[in-house]
Amino acid sequence: MIHLLGAITANAIFAQTYKFSVARGYDVDWVCMLSFVSSAMLVLVIPGGGPVGSDWRVAALGAAYGVAGWLAQLAFFRALRYGPLSVSYTIVALSVLVPILGSILLWNEHPTLGQSVALVGAVLAVVLMGDVELRRLQPLSWGGWVGLSFLASGMANLDMKAMASMESDGSRRLFLLVGYGVSVLFSLPLLRRRRAGWPEALAGGTRGAAILLANWLLLTAAGLLPGYVVFAAYGSSIVMVNVVAAILFWRERPRGRALGGIVLAVAAIVLFNV
């Protein structure tokens, strides 16, 4: 259980640095790039997982994961310039819809009745929250960036699903190392000879360490506890923790249909894993 609590805490730190960096006016392209560098360096030294493997299929999946992860973070940073963290992060958290649909179509996995209900609930939650925010925001920049982050996050999760189906000794390190390396390469052209300061370095390093720690602890917890317990608790908890943090630290006040959409999203995440 301590691994699961650690993963939830690390994910909350990762998410809050999004809002913190935007609110403080940091160069978010540098924050993204340095977070990928931090993650790549820590992959090599984090305990467990075996040595770096050499399977080209794992490397190819890692490269696809790197492109999707880079695009998801880039889009989410820009979405926060126009919309709230609580609703935006909840919608992106529901990108689990993509690997679930991929599992049905590509791996011939069939959802249970509860998971089918959760799929419908998740779609309704996204529509509900998105409709509320799009009515408030002009122009529709938030919707475009959140939608792009949703799809890219879903593709990254689909790559993780494919990785899990073929994992062998050392493959986890190779997958993540290639992924973060590709993300760094894609980030470089955006910097346009700008220089990073200590604020960007601190925020990027924190984000990179936090997301790597969250993923590593989650995989460890999944090896010790039933998967339906781990992923249901993790998915619902990170949404609730980040919504509460947005209310306490950023004075966001989701009400009415937006709040209803968040509650529906939490219920859907739990049902996905039952």
C-alpha atoms as a PDB file:
ATOM      1  CA  MET A   1       0.000   0.000   0.000  1.00  0.00           C
ATOM      2  CA  ILE A   2       2.907   2.373   0.684  1.00  0.00           C
ATOM      3  CA  HIS A   3       3.950   2.065  -2.978  1.00  0.00           C
ATOM      4  CA  LEU A   4       0.459   3.032  -4.130  1.00  0.00           C
ATOM      5  CA  LEU A   5       0.312   6.040  -1.799  1.00  0.00           C
ATOM      6  CA  GLY A   6       3.736   7.104  -3.025  1.00  0.00           C
ATOM      7  CA  ALA A   7       2.618   6.849  -6.664  1.00  0.00           C
ATOM      8  CA  ILE A   8      -0.475   8.979  -5.982  1.00  0.00           C
ATOM      9  CA  THR A   9       1.606  11.613  -4.173  1.00  0.00           C
ATOM     10  CA  ALA A  10       4.229  11.730  -6.936  1.00  0.00           C
ATOM     11  CA  ASN A  11       1.538  12.082  -9.611  1.00  0.00           C
ATOM     12  CA  ALA A  12      -0.034  14.973  -7.689  1.00  0.00           C
ATOM     13  CA  ILE A  13       3.333  16.757  -7.572  1.00  0.00           C
ATOM     14  CA  PHE A  14       3.764  16.172 -11.308  1.00  0.00           C
ATOM     15  CA  ALA A  15       0.318  17.618 -12.103  1.00  0.00           C
ATOM     16  CA  GLN A  16       0.631  20.642  -9.850  1.00  0.00           C
ATOM     17  CA  THR A  17       3.907  21.712 -11.454  1.00  0.00           C
ATOM     18  CA  TYR A  18       1.911  22.218 -14.671  1.00  0.00           C
ATOM     19  CA  LYS A  19      -0.214  24.914 -13.083  1.00  0.00           C
ATOM     20  CA  PHE A  20       2.649  26.335 -11.014  1.00  0.00           C
ATOM     21  CA  SER A  21       4.868  26.775 -14.080  1.00  0.00           C
ATOM     22  CA  VAL A  22       2.122  28.487 -16.090  1.00  0.00           C
ATOM     23  CA  ALA A  23       1.048  30.684 -13.164  1.00  0.00           C
ATOM     24  CA  ARG A  24       4.641  31.844 -12.587  1.00  0.00           C
ATOM     25  CA  GLY A  25       5.226  32.569 -16.265  1.00  0.00           C
ATOM     26  CA  TYR A  26       8.018  30.016 -16.726  1.00  0.00           C
ATOM     27  CA  ASP A  27       9.213  29.033 -20.181  1.00  0.00           C
ATOM     28  CA  VAL A  28       7.105  25.885 -20.348  1.00  0.00           C
ATOM     29  CA  ASP A  29       8.928  24.481 -23.381  1.00  0.00           C
ATOM     30  CA  TRP A  30      12.120  24.421 -21.316  1.00  0.00           C
ATOM     31  CA  VAL A  31      10.238  22.943 -18.349  1.00  0.00           C
ATOM     32  CA  CYS A  32       8.988  20.119 -20.600  1.00  0.00           C
ATOM     33  CA  MET A  33      12.401  19.459 -22.096  1.00  0.00           C
ATOM     34  CA  LEU A  34      14.179  19.407 -18.739  1.00  0.00           C
ATOM     35  CA  SER A  35      11.543  17.111 -17.268  1.00  0.00           C
ATOM     36  CA  PHE A  36      12.257  14.566 -20.017  1.00  0.00           C
ATOM     37  CA  VAL A  37      16.010  14.906 -19.401  1.00  0.00           C
ATOM     38  CA  SER A  38      15.472  14.361 -15.679  1.00  0.00           C
ATOM     39  CA  SER A  39      13.347  11.263 -16.272  1.00  0.00           C
ATOM     40  CA  ALA A  40      15.865   9.794 -18.731  1.00  0.00           C
ATOM     41  CA  MET A  41      18.753  10.226 -16.296  1.00  0.00           C
ATOM     42  CA  LEU A  42      16.826   8.709 -13.403  1.00  0.00           C
ATOM     43  CA  VAL A  43      15.752   5.672 -15.477  1.00  0.00           C
ATOM     44  CA  LEU A  44      19.396   4.583 -15.465  1.00  0.00           C
ATOM     45  CA  VAL A  45      19.803   4.686 -11.679  1.00  0.00           C
ATOM     46  CA  ILE A  46      16.389   3.871 -10.199  1.00  0.00           C
ATOM     47  CA  PRO A  47      16.558   0.538  -8.312  1.00  0.00           C
ATOM     48  CA  GLY A  48      14.930  -2.568  -9.808  1.00  0.00           C
ATOM     49  CA  GLY A  49      13.840  -3.437 -13.331  1.00  0.00           C
ATOM     50  CA  GLY A  50      17.078  -5.078 -14.477  1.00  0.00           C
ATOM     51  CA  PRO A  51      19.663  -3.746 -16.959  1.00  0.00           C
ATOM     52  CA  VAL A  52      18.775  -1.889 -20.151  1.00  0.00           C
ATOM     53  CA  GLY A  53      17.574  -4.389 -22.773  1.00  0.00           C
ATOM     54  CA  SER A  54      18.231  -4.418 -26.527  1.00  0.00           C
ATOM     55  CA  ASP A  55      14.953  -5.543 -28.142  1.00  0.00           C
ATOM     56  CA  TRP A  56      14.268  -3.386 -31.225  1.00  0.00           C
ATOM     57  CA  ARG A  57      10.498  -3.877 -30.819  1.00  0.00           C
ATOM     58  CA  VAL A  58      10.677  -2.388 -27.330  1.00  0.00           C
ATOM     59  CA  ALA A  59      12.782   0.499 -28.668  1.00  0.00           C
ATOM     60  CA  ALA A  60      10.214   1.170 -31.408  1.00  0.00           C
ATOM     61  CA  LEU A  61       7.393   1.198 -28.882  1.00  0.00           C
ATOM     62  CA  GLY A  62       9.457   3.503 -26.696  1.00  0.00           C
ATOM     63  CA  ALA A  63       9.946   5.918 -29.583  1.00  0.00           C
ATOM     64  CA  ALA A  64       6.177   5.998 -30.238  1.00  0.00           C
ATOM     65  CA  TYR A  65       5.600   6.540 -26.526  1.00  0.00           C
ATOM     66  CA  GLY A  66       8.100   9.403 -26.546  1.00  0.00           C
ATOM     67  CA  VAL A  67       6.361  11.234 -29.393  1.00  0.00           C
ATOM     68  CA  ALA A  68       2.926  10.807 -27.807  1.00  0.00           C
ATOM     69  CA  GLY A  69       4.145  11.795 -24.345  1.00  0.00           C
ATOM     70  CA  TRP A  70       5.890  14.892 -25.677  1.00  0.00           C
ATOM     71  CA  LEU A  71       2.790  16.010 -27.559  1.00  0.00           C
ATOM     72  CA  ALA A  72       0.514  15.342 -24.566  1.00  0.00           C
ATOM     73  CA  GLN A  73       2.615  17.501 -22.232  1.00  0.00           C
ATOM     74  CA  LEU A  74       3.103  20.261 -24.793  1.00  0.00           C
ATOM     75  CA  ALA A  75      -0.655  20.500 -25.425  1.00  0.00           C
ATOM     76  CA  PHE A  76      -1.593  20.341 -21.752  1.00  0.00           C
ATOM     77  CA  PHE A  77       0.724  23.200 -20.816  1.00  0.00           C
ATOM     78  CA  ARG A  78      -0.922  25.349 -23.458  1.00  0.00           C
ATOM     79  CA  ALA A  79      -4.422  24.315 -22.401  1.00  0.00           C
ATOM     80  CA  LEU A  80      -3.779  25.655 -18.894  1.00  0.00           C
ATOM     81  CA  ARG A  81      -3.334  29.154 -20.313  1.00  0.00           C
ATOM     82  CA  TYR A  82      -7.048  29.138 -21.121  1.00  0.00           C
ATOM     83  CA  GLY A  83      -8.822  26.753 -18.741  1.00  0.00           C
ATOM     84  CA  PRO A  84      -8.851  25.340 -15.201  1.00  0.00           C
ATOM     85  CA  LEU A  85      -6.575  22.575 -13.926  1.00  0.00           C
ATOM     86  CA  SER A  86      -9.361  20.620 -12.206  1.00  0.00           C
ATOM     87  CA  VAL A  87     -11.488  20.043 -15.303  1.00  0.00           C
ATOM     88  CA  SER A  88      -8.575  19.850 -17.766  1.00  0.00           C
ATOM     89  CA  TYR A  89      -6.681  17.211 -15.796  1.00  0.00           C
ATOM     90  CA  THR A  90      -9.819  15.143 -15.226  1.00  0.00           C
ATOM     91  CA  ILE A  91     -10.542  15.015 -18.956  1.00  0.00           C
ATOM     92  CA  VAL A  92      -6.963  14.021 -19.789  1.00  0.00           C
ATOM     93  CA  ALA A  93      -7.072  11.349 -17.047  1.00  0.00           C
ATOM     94  CA  LEU A  94      -9.972   9.790 -18.954  1.00  0.00           C
ATOM     95  CA  SER A  95      -7.638   9.143 -21.888  1.00  0.00           C
ATOM     96  CA  VAL A  96      -7.673   5.550 -20.579  1.00  0.00           C
ATOM     97  CA  LEU A  97     -10.567   5.272 -23.036  1.00  0.00           C
ATOM     98  CA  VAL A  98      -8.035   4.952 -25.859  1.00  0.00           C
ATOM     99  CA  PRO A  99      -6.101   1.895 -24.560  1.00  0.00           C
ATOM    100  CA  ILE A 100      -9.363   0.279 -23.469  1.00  0.00           C
ATOM    101  CA  LEU A 101     -10.756   0.590 -26.989  1.00  0.00           C
ATOM    102  CA  GLY A 102      -7.384  -0.554 -28.320  1.00  0.00           C
ATOM    103  CA  SER A 103      -7.537  -3.631 -26.101  1.00  0.00           C
ATOM    104  CA  ILE A 104     -10.932  -4.501 -27.561  1.00  0.00           C
ATOM    105  CA  LEU A 105      -9.908  -3.966 -31.183  1.00  0.00           C
ATOM    106  CA  LEU A 106      -6.258  -5.082 -31.169  1.00  0.00           C
ATOM    107  CA  TRP A 107      -6.006  -7.642 -28.359  1.00  0.00           C
ATOM    108  CA  ASN A 108      -9.542  -9.035 -28.609  1.00  0.00           C
ATOM    109  CA  GLU A 109     -10.220  -8.260 -24.953  1.00  0.00           C
ATOM    110  CA  HIS A 110     -13.888  -7.873 -24.125  1.00  0.00           C
ATOM    111  CA  PRO A 111     -15.058  -5.446 -21.423  1.00  0.00           C
ATOM    112  CA  THR A 112     -17.291  -6.601 -18.605  1.00  0.00           C
ATOM    113  CA  LEU A 113     -20.745  -5.123 -18.134  1.00  0.00           C
ATOM    114  CA  GLY A 114     -19.367  -2.744 -15.513  1.00  0.00           C
ATOM    115  CA  GLN A 115     -16.567  -1.616 -17.805  1.00  0.00           C
ATOM    116  CA  SER A 116     -19.054  -1.065 -20.636  1.00  0.00           C
ATOM    117  CA  VAL A 117     -21.101   1.149 -18.320  1.00  0.00           C
ATOM    118  CA  ALA A 118     -17.871   2.943 -17.354  1.00  0.00           C
ATOM    119  CA  LEU A 119     -17.053   3.600 -21.017  1.00  0.00           C
ATOM    120  CA  VAL A 120     -20.408   5.292 -21.501  1.00  0.00           C
ATOM    121  CA  GLY A 121     -19.986   7.219 -18.242  1.00  0.00           C
ATOM    122  CA  ALA A 122     -16.501   8.385 -19.210  1.00  0.00           C
ATOM    123  CA  VAL A 123     -17.695   9.703 -22.556  1.00  0.00           C
ATOM    124  CA  LEU A 124     -20.567  11.512 -20.844  1.00  0.00           C
ATOM    125  CA  ALA A 125     -18.167  12.991 -18.292  1.00  0.00           C
ATOM    126  CA  VAL A 126     -15.903  14.394 -21.026  1.00  0.00           C
ATOM    127  CA  VAL A 127     -18.855  15.819 -22.946  1.00  0.00           C
ATOM    128  CA  LEU A 128     -20.344  17.318 -19.777  1.00  0.00           C
ATOM    129  CA  MET A 129     -17.166  19.023 -18.556  1.00  0.00           C
ATOM    130  CA  GLY A 130     -16.079  20.080 -22.017  1.00  0.00           C
ATOM    131  CA  ASP A 131     -19.431  21.649 -22.842  1.00  0.00           C
ATOM    132  CA  VAL A 132     -19.407  23.666 -19.610  1.00  0.00           C
ATOM    133  CA  GLU A 133     -15.922  25.061 -20.167  1.00  0.00           C
ATOM    134  CA  LEU A 134     -16.387  25.756 -23.875  1.00  0.00           C
ATOM    135  CA  ARG A 135     -19.422  27.873 -23.021  1.00  0.00           C
ATOM    136  CA  ARG A 136     -17.282  29.936 -20.648  1.00  0.00           C
ATOM    137  CA  LEU A 137     -14.153  30.295 -22.755  1.00  0.00           C
ATOM    138  CA  GLN A 138     -13.653  32.364 -25.884  1.00  0.00           C
ATOM    139  CA  PRO A 139     -11.927  31.564 -28.167  1.00  0.00           C
ATOM    140  CA  LEU A 140     -12.012  27.755 -28.159  1.00  0.00           C
ATOM    141  CA  SER A 141      -8.281  27.415 -27.573  1.00  0.00           C
ATOM    142  CA  TRP A 142      -8.781  25.381 -24.395  1.00  0.00           C
ATOM    143  CA  GLY A 143     -10.898  22.773 -26.149  1.00  0.00           C
ATOM    144  CA  GLY A 144      -8.378  22.275 -28.942  1.00  0.00           C
ATOM    145  CA  TRP A 145      -5.377  21.882 -26.661  1.00  0.00           C
ATOM    146  CA  VAL A 146      -7.191  19.658 -24.144  1.00  0.00           C
ATOM    147  CA  GLY A 147      -8.525  17.497 -26.951  1.00  0.00           C
ATOM    148  CA  LEU A 148      -5.038  17.096 -28.404  1.00  0.00           C
ATOM    149  CA  SER A 149      -3.604  16.266 -24.970  1.00  0.00           C
ATOM    150  CA  PHE A 150      -6.414  13.732 -24.425  1.00  0.00           C
ATOM    151  CA  LEU A 151      -5.678  11.917 -27.692  1.00  0.00           C
ATOM    152  CA  ALA A 152      -1.887  12.011 -27.265  1.00  0.00           C
ATOM    153  CA  SER A 153      -2.143  10.774 -23.662  1.00  0.00           C
ATOM    154  CA  GLY A 154      -4.393   7.985 -24.862  1.00  0.00           C
ATOM    155  CA  MET A 155      -1.855   6.939 -27.485  1.00  0.00           C
ATOM    156  CA  ALA A 156       0.919   6.987 -24.856  1.00  0.00           C
ATOM    157  CA  ASN A 157      -1.227   4.747 -22.633  1.00  0.00           C
ATOM    158  CA  LEU A 158      -1.839   2.445 -25.600  1.00  0.00           C
ATOM    159  CA  ASP A 159       1.931   2.143 -26.067  1.00  0.00           C
ATOM    160  CA  MET A 160       2.226   1.284 -22.362  1.00  0.00           C
ATOM    161  CA  LYS A 161      -0.422  -1.413 -22.820  1.00  0.00           C
ATOM    162  CA  ALA A 162       1.520  -2.878 -25.753  1.00  0.00           C
ATOM    163  CA  MET A 163       4.718  -2.728 -23.679  1.00  0.00           C
ATOM    164  CA  ALA A 164       3.075  -4.589 -20.799  1.00  0.00           C
ATOM    165  CA  SER A 165       2.066  -7.400 -23.145  1.00  0.00           C
ATOM    166  CA  MET A 166       5.683  -8.104 -24.144  1.00  0.00           C
ATOM    167  CA  GLU A 167       7.772  -7.040 -21.133  1.00  0.00           C
ATOM    168  CA  SER A 168      10.972  -8.971 -20.471  1.00  0.00           C
ATOM    169  CA  ASP A 169      14.088  -8.377 -18.367  1.00  0.00           C
ATOM    170  CA  GLY A 170      15.389  -4.853 -18.844  1.00  0.00           C
ATOM    171  CA  SER A 171      12.691  -3.920 -21.351  1.00  0.00           C
ATOM    172  CA  ARG A 172      11.069  -1.404 -19.007  1.00  0.00           C
ATOM    173  CA  ARG A 173      14.282   0.622 -18.791  1.00  0.00           C
ATOM    174  CA  LEU A 174      14.843   0.482 -22.554  1.00  0.00           C
ATOM    175  CA  PHE A 175      11.246   1.484 -23.289  1.00  0.00           C
ATOM    176  CA  LEU A 176      11.368   4.496 -20.972  1.00  0.00           C
ATOM    177  CA  LEU A 177      14.901   5.540 -21.893  1.00  0.00           C
ATOM    178  CA  VAL A 178      14.120   5.610 -25.627  1.00  0.00           C
ATOM    179  CA  GLY A 179      10.799   7.324 -24.944  1.00  0.00           C
ATOM    180  CA  TYR A 180      12.299  10.131 -22.894  1.00  0.00           C
ATOM    181  CA  GLY A 181      15.197  10.476 -25.339  1.00  0.00           C
ATOM    182  CA  VAL A 182      12.802  10.950 -28.266  1.00  0.00           C
ATOM    183  CA  SER A 183      10.817  13.490 -26.234  1.00  0.00           C
ATOM    184  CA  VAL A 184      13.997  15.489 -25.640  1.00  0.00           C
ATOM    185  CA  LEU A 185      14.788  15.506 -29.379  1.00  0.00           C
ATOM    186  CA  PHE A 186      11.290  16.715 -30.243  1.00  0.00           C
ATOM    187  CA  SER A 187      11.510  19.427 -27.580  1.00  0.00           C
ATOM    188  CA  LEU A 188      14.749  20.984 -28.821  1.00  0.00           C
ATOM    189  CA  PRO A 189      13.348  22.798 -31.904  1.00  0.00           C
ATOM    190  CA  LEU A 190      10.802  24.629 -29.739  1.00  0.00           C
ATOM    191  CA  LEU A 191      13.443  26.351 -27.633  1.00  0.00           C
ATOM    192  CA  ARG A 192      14.537  28.749 -30.404  1.00  0.00           C
ATOM    193  CA  ARG A 193      17.855  29.618 -28.735  1.00  0.00           C
ATOM    194  CA  ARG A 194      16.093  30.629 -25.548  1.00  0.00           C
ATOM    195  CA  ARG A 195      17.902  29.959 -22.295  1.00  0.00           C
ATOM    196  CA  ALA A 196      16.496  28.290 -19.213  1.00  0.00           C
ATOM    197  CA  GLY A 197      16.896  29.727 -15.740  1.00  0.00           C
ATOM    198  CA  TRP A 198      16.934  28.061 -12.344  1.00  0.00           C
ATOM    199  CA  PRO A 199      13.106  28.201 -12.061  1.00  0.00           C
ATOM    200  CA  GLU A 200      12.676  26.167 -15.252  1.00  0.00           C
ATOM    201  CA  ALA A 201      15.416  23.755 -14.200  1.00  0.00           C
ATOM    202  CA  LEU A 202      13.829  23.202 -10.780  1.00  0.00           C
ATOM    203  CA  ALA A 203      10.317  22.771 -12.175  1.00  0.00           C
ATOM    204  CA  GLY A 204      11.499  20.470 -14.980  1.00  0.00           C
ATOM    205  CA  GLY A 205      13.632  18.355 -12.682  1.00  0.00           C
ATOM    206  CA  THR A 206      10.790  18.025 -10.191  1.00  0.00           C
ATOM    207  CA  ARG A 207       8.272  17.016 -12.862  1.00  0.00           C
ATOM    208  CA  GLY A 208      10.616  14.476 -14.429  1.00  0.00           C
ATOM    209  CA  ALA A 209      11.451  12.822 -11.116  1.00  0.00           C
ATOM    210  CA  ALA A 210       7.810  12.846 -10.004  1.00  0.00           C
ATOM    211  CA  ILE A 211       6.308  11.161 -13.083  1.00  0.00           C
ATOM    212  CA  LEU A 212       9.041   8.525 -13.266  1.00  0.00           C
ATOM    213  CA  LEU A 213       8.622   7.760  -9.565  1.00  0.00           C
ATOM    214  CA  ALA A 214       4.836   7.601  -9.945  1.00  0.00           C
ATOM    215  CA  ASN A 215       5.013   5.119 -12.820  1.00  0.00           C
ATOM    216  CA  TRP A 216       7.697   2.989 -11.188  1.00  0.00           C
ATOM    217  CA  LEU A 217       5.858   2.765  -7.855  1.00  0.00           C
ATOM    218  CA  LEU A 218       2.590   2.002  -9.644  1.00  0.00           C
ATOM    219  CA  LEU A 219       4.171  -0.937 -11.458  1.00  0.00           C
ATOM    220  CA  THR A 220       5.653  -2.143  -8.163  1.00  0.00           C
ATOM    221  CA  ALA A 221       2.292  -1.855  -6.399  1.00  0.00           C
ATOM    222  CA  ALA A 222       0.635  -3.788  -9.225  1.00  0.00           C
ATOM    223  CA  GLY A 223       3.032  -6.641  -8.525  1.00  0.00           C
ATOM    224  CA  LEU A 224       2.059  -6.767  -4.855  1.00  0.00           C
ATOM    225  CA  LEU A 225      -1.695  -6.072  -4.924  1.00  0.00           C
ATOM    226  CA  PRO A 226      -4.530  -7.123  -7.257  1.00  0.00           C
ATOM    227  CA  GLY A 227      -4.579  -5.007 -10.391  1.00  0.00           C
ATOM    228  CA  TYR A 228      -8.239  -4.060 -10.024  1.00  0.00           C
ATOM    229  CA  VAL A 229      -7.456  -2.620  -6.582  1.00  0.00           C
ATOM    230  CA  VAL A 230      -4.317  -0.755  -7.648  1.00  0.00           C
ATOM    231  CA  PHE A 231      -5.569   0.878 -10.835  1.00  0.00           C
ATOM    232  CA  ALA A 232      -9.018   1.733  -9.524  1.00  0.00           C
ATOM    233  CA  ALA A 233      -7.534   3.377  -6.428  1.00  0.00           C
ATOM    234  CA  TYR A 234      -4.784   5.114  -8.397  1.00  0.00           C
ATOM    235  CA  GLY A 235      -6.982   6.467 -11.182  1.00  0.00           C
ATOM    236  CA  SER A 236      -9.722   7.816  -8.946  1.00  0.00           C
ATOM    237  CA  SER A 237      -7.309   9.138  -6.320  1.00  0.00           C
ATOM    238  CA  ILE A 238      -5.154  11.200  -8.683  1.00  0.00           C
ATOM    239  CA  VAL A 239      -8.260  12.899 -10.074  1.00  0.00           C
ATOM    240  CA  MET A 240      -9.629  13.682  -6.615  1.00  0.00           C
ATOM    241  CA  VAL A 241      -6.260  14.803  -5.208  1.00  0.00           C
ATOM    242  CA  ASN A 242      -5.635  17.182  -8.097  1.00  0.00           C
ATOM    243  CA  VAL A 243      -9.165  18.585  -7.992  1.00  0.00           C
ATOM    244  CA  VAL A 244      -8.804  19.263  -4.259  1.00  0.00           C
ATOM    245  CA  ALA A 245      -5.379  20.847  -4.835  1.00  0.00           C
ATOM    246  CA  ALA A 246      -6.811  23.056  -7.591  1.00  0.00           C
ATOM    247  CA  ILE A 247      -9.525  24.239  -5.203  1.00  0.00           C
ATOM    248  CA  LEU A 248      -7.178  24.852  -2.268  1.00  0.00           C
ATOM    249  CA  PHE A 249      -4.139  26.289  -4.046  1.00  0.00           C
ATOM    250  CA  TRP A 250      -5.523  27.839  -7.224  1.00  0.00           C
ATOM    251  CA  ARG A 251      -8.956  28.925  -5.968  1.00  0.00           C
ATOM    252  CA  GLU A 252     -10.796  27.017  -8.672  1.00  0.00           C
ATOM    253  CA  ARG A 253     -14.468  26.365  -7.929  1.00  0.00           C
ATOM    254  CA  PRO A 254     -15.981  23.720 -10.205  1.00  0.00           C
ATOM    255  CA  ARG A 255     -19.761  23.824  -9.809  1.00  0.00           C
ATOM    256  CA  GLY A 256     -22.897  22.434 -11.348  1.00  0.00           C
ATOM    257  CA  ARG A 257     -22.352  20.265 -14.398  1.00  0.00           C
ATOM    258  CA  ALA A 258     -18.547  20.578 -14.221  1.00  0.00           C
ATOM    259  CA  LEU A 259     -18.547  19.151 -10.695  1.00  0.00           C
ATOM    260  CA  GLY A 260     -20.998  16.471 -11.768  1.00  0.00           C
ATOM    261  CA  GLY A 261     -18.686  15.551 -14.631  1.00  0.00           C
ATOM    262  CA  ILE A 262     -15.727  15.176 -12.250  1.00  0.00           C
ATOM    263  CA  VAL A 263     -17.739  12.885  -9.947  1.00  0.00           C
ATOM    264  CA  LEU A 264     -18.887  10.842 -12.943  1.00  0.00           C
ATOM    265  CA  ALA A 265     -15.289  10.593 -14.157  1.00  0.00           C
ATOM    266  CA  VAL A 266     -14.101   9.236 -10.790  1.00  0.00           C
ATOM    267  CA  ALA A 267     -16.877   6.636 -10.814  1.00  0.00           C
ATOM    268  CA  ALA A 268     -15.993   5.633 -14.382  1.00  0.00           C
ATOM    269  CA  ILE A 269     -12.304   5.197 -13.529  1.00  0.00           C
ATOM    270  CA  VAL A 270     -13.215   2.893 -10.638  1.00  0.00           C
ATOM    271  CA  LEU A 271     -15.564   0.842 -12.823  1.00  0.00           C
ATOM    272  CA  PHE A 272     -12.905   0.476 -15.515  1.00  0.00           C
ATOM    273  CA  ASN A 273     -10.810  -1.555 -13.092  1.00  0.00           C
ATOM    274  CA  VAL A 274     -13.484  -3.638 -11.320  1.00  0.00           C
END
